[in-house]
Amino acid sequence: MPDSPPVGIKLLSVLWAAIGAGGLLQGVFFLSVGPASRTELLLIAGGLGLSIGYIVIAYGLWKVKRWAWPAGMALAVLTVGTIFIQDQIGLVGVLVPLLILAYLATKRDVYARQPGAA
């Protein structure tokens, strides 16, 4: 496997790390504002978990870890799915995650096992 990812993967990693960090800050803010219902706590916990996922996968993509490619594909699909669930369907909102998904699909070979590698 290459030591350094392509530039596009680096940009995606920075973007996803920033999204993850923003989500963590947002979750902490919502928890600090005051009492929340059980449903709100579940939504905040889900958002915090997704934010951690963004950060972990960004790290794996940057470090060219084998597990990062399928995890990144799953996260991109999940992102598209959440856009439809939240009814935030807009051209940019759908197009950007779909472009990320298509781009990641073209980079599978970067994260594939090398012949003879364990």
Protein backbone atom coordinates (compact mmCIF):
# COMPACT_ATOMS: atom_id res chain seq x y z
CA MET A 1 0.00 0.00 0.00
CA PRO A 2 1.23 3.51 -0.64
CA ASP A 3 2.58 5.50 2.29
CA SER A 4 0.66 8.61 1.34
CA PRO A 5 -2.91 8.87 0.07
CA PRO A 6 -3.89 10.79 -3.08
CA VAL A 7 -4.56 14.51 -2.67
CA GLY A 8 -8.32 14.01 -3.01
CA ILE A 9 -8.30 11.55 -0.11
CA LYS A 10 -6.30 14.03 1.97
CA LEU A 11 -8.89 16.74 1.25
CA LEU A 12 -11.73 14.35 2.10
CA SER A 13 -9.97 13.37 5.32
CA VAL A 14 -9.63 17.01 6.37
CA LEU A 15 -13.28 17.67 5.48
CA TRP A 16 -14.54 14.64 7.41
CA ALA A 17 -12.32 15.41 10.41
CA ALA A 18 -13.71 18.97 10.45
CA ILE A 19 -17.29 17.68 10.18
CA GLY A 20 -16.60 15.26 13.02
CA ALA A 21 -15.06 17.93 15.23
CA GLY A 22 -17.97 20.27 14.53
CA GLY A 23 -20.44 17.53 15.40
CA LEU A 24 -18.65 16.83 18.67
CA LEU A 25 -18.75 20.50 19.60
CA GLN A 26 -22.40 20.72 18.67
CA GLY A 27 -23.24 17.65 20.76
CA VAL A 28 -21.39 19.01 23.79
CA PHE A 29 -23.18 22.34 23.36
CA PHE A 30 -26.60 20.67 23.23
CA LEU A 31 -25.79 18.64 26.34
CA SER A 32 -24.66 21.75 28.21
CA VAL A 33 -27.72 23.86 27.36
CA GLY A 34 -30.03 22.14 29.78
CA PRO A 35 -32.38 19.23 30.30
CA ALA A 36 -33.21 17.14 27.29
CA SER A 37 -35.87 14.53 26.68
CA ARG A 38 -34.99 10.89 26.14
CA THR A 39 -35.54 11.29 22.39
CA GLU A 40 -33.28 14.34 22.27
CA LEU A 41 -30.59 12.48 24.22
CA LEU A 42 -30.78 9.59 21.77
CA LEU A 43 -30.44 11.97 18.83
CA ILE A 44 -27.49 13.73 20.47
CA ALA A 45 -25.83 10.38 21.24
CA GLY A 46 -26.33 9.30 17.63
CA GLY A 47 -24.82 12.54 16.40
CA LEU A 48 -21.85 12.18 18.72
CA GLY A 49 -21.31 8.60 17.54
CA LEU A 50 -21.47 9.67 13.90
CA SER A 51 -19.05 12.51 14.60
CA ILE A 52 -16.56 10.10 16.15
CA GLY A 53 -17.03 7.89 13.10
CA TYR A 54 -16.14 10.77 10.78
CA ILE A 55 -12.94 11.43 12.74
CA VAL A 56 -11.88 7.77 12.94
CA ILE A 57 -12.52 7.15 9.24
CA ALA A 58 -10.75 10.38 8.27
CA TYR A 59 -7.71 9.15 10.20
CA GLY A 60 -7.87 5.73 8.53
CA LEU A 61 -8.17 7.21 5.04
CA TRP A 62 -5.24 9.56 5.68
CA LYS A 63 -3.07 6.73 7.04
CA VAL A 64 -4.13 4.39 4.18
CA LYS A 65 -5.57 1.73 6.50
CA ARG A 66 -7.26 -1.20 4.75
CA TRP A 67 -10.41 -0.93 6.86
CA ALA A 68 -10.85 2.74 5.99
CA TRP A 69 -12.06 2.27 2.43
CA PRO A 70 -15.12 0.09 3.21
CA ALA A 71 -15.82 2.19 6.31
CA GLY A 72 -15.61 5.37 4.22
CA MET A 73 -17.96 3.92 1.61
CA ALA A 74 -20.43 2.98 4.37
CA LEU A 75 -20.18 6.46 5.89
CA ALA A 76 -20.82 8.09 2.51
CA VAL A 77 -23.90 5.89 1.99
CA LEU A 78 -25.07 6.67 5.52
CA THR A 79 -24.64 10.38 4.82
CA VAL A 80 -26.81 10.16 1.71
CA GLY A 81 -29.40 8.19 3.69
CA THR A 82 -29.55 10.71 6.52
CA ILE A 83 -30.13 13.53 4.04
CA PHE A 84 -33.28 11.78 2.82
CA ILE A 85 -34.41 10.91 6.36
CA GLN A 86 -33.99 14.50 7.52
CA ASP A 87 -35.88 15.79 4.47
CA GLN A 88 -33.00 18.12 3.65
CA ILE A 89 -32.97 17.16 0.01
CA GLY A 90 -31.25 19.79 -2.08
CA LEU A 91 -28.97 19.59 -5.08
CA VAL A 92 -25.80 20.29 -3.10
CA GLY A 93 -26.92 18.23 -0.11
CA VAL A 94 -27.30 15.11 -2.24
CA LEU A 95 -24.71 15.77 -4.91
CA VAL A 96 -21.70 16.25 -2.61
CA PRO A 97 -22.07 12.92 -0.73
CA LEU A 98 -22.76 11.12 -4.03
CA LEU A 99 -19.61 12.63 -5.55
CA ILE A 100 -17.64 11.57 -2.46
CA LEU A 101 -19.06 8.06 -2.80
CA ALA A 102 -18.12 7.93 -6.49
CA TYR A 103 -14.63 9.29 -5.80
CA LEU A 104 -14.01 6.76 -3.02
CA ALA A 105 -15.20 3.98 -5.34
CA THR A 106 -12.40 4.90 -7.76
CA LYS A 107 -9.76 4.70 -5.00
CA ARG A 108 -10.39 1.13 -3.88
CA ASP A 109 -7.03 0.01 -5.28
CA VAL A 110 -5.23 2.41 -2.92
CA TYR A 111 -6.61 0.48 0.05
CA ALA A 112 -6.53 -3.02 -1.46
CA ARG A 113 -4.17 -5.69 -0.21
CA GLN A 114 -0.90 -5.85 -2.05
CA PRO A 115 0.04 -9.24 -3.58
CA GLY A 116 1.93 -11.28 -1.03
CA ALA A 117 1.03 -8.97 1.85
CA ALA A 118 -0.33 -10.42 5.05
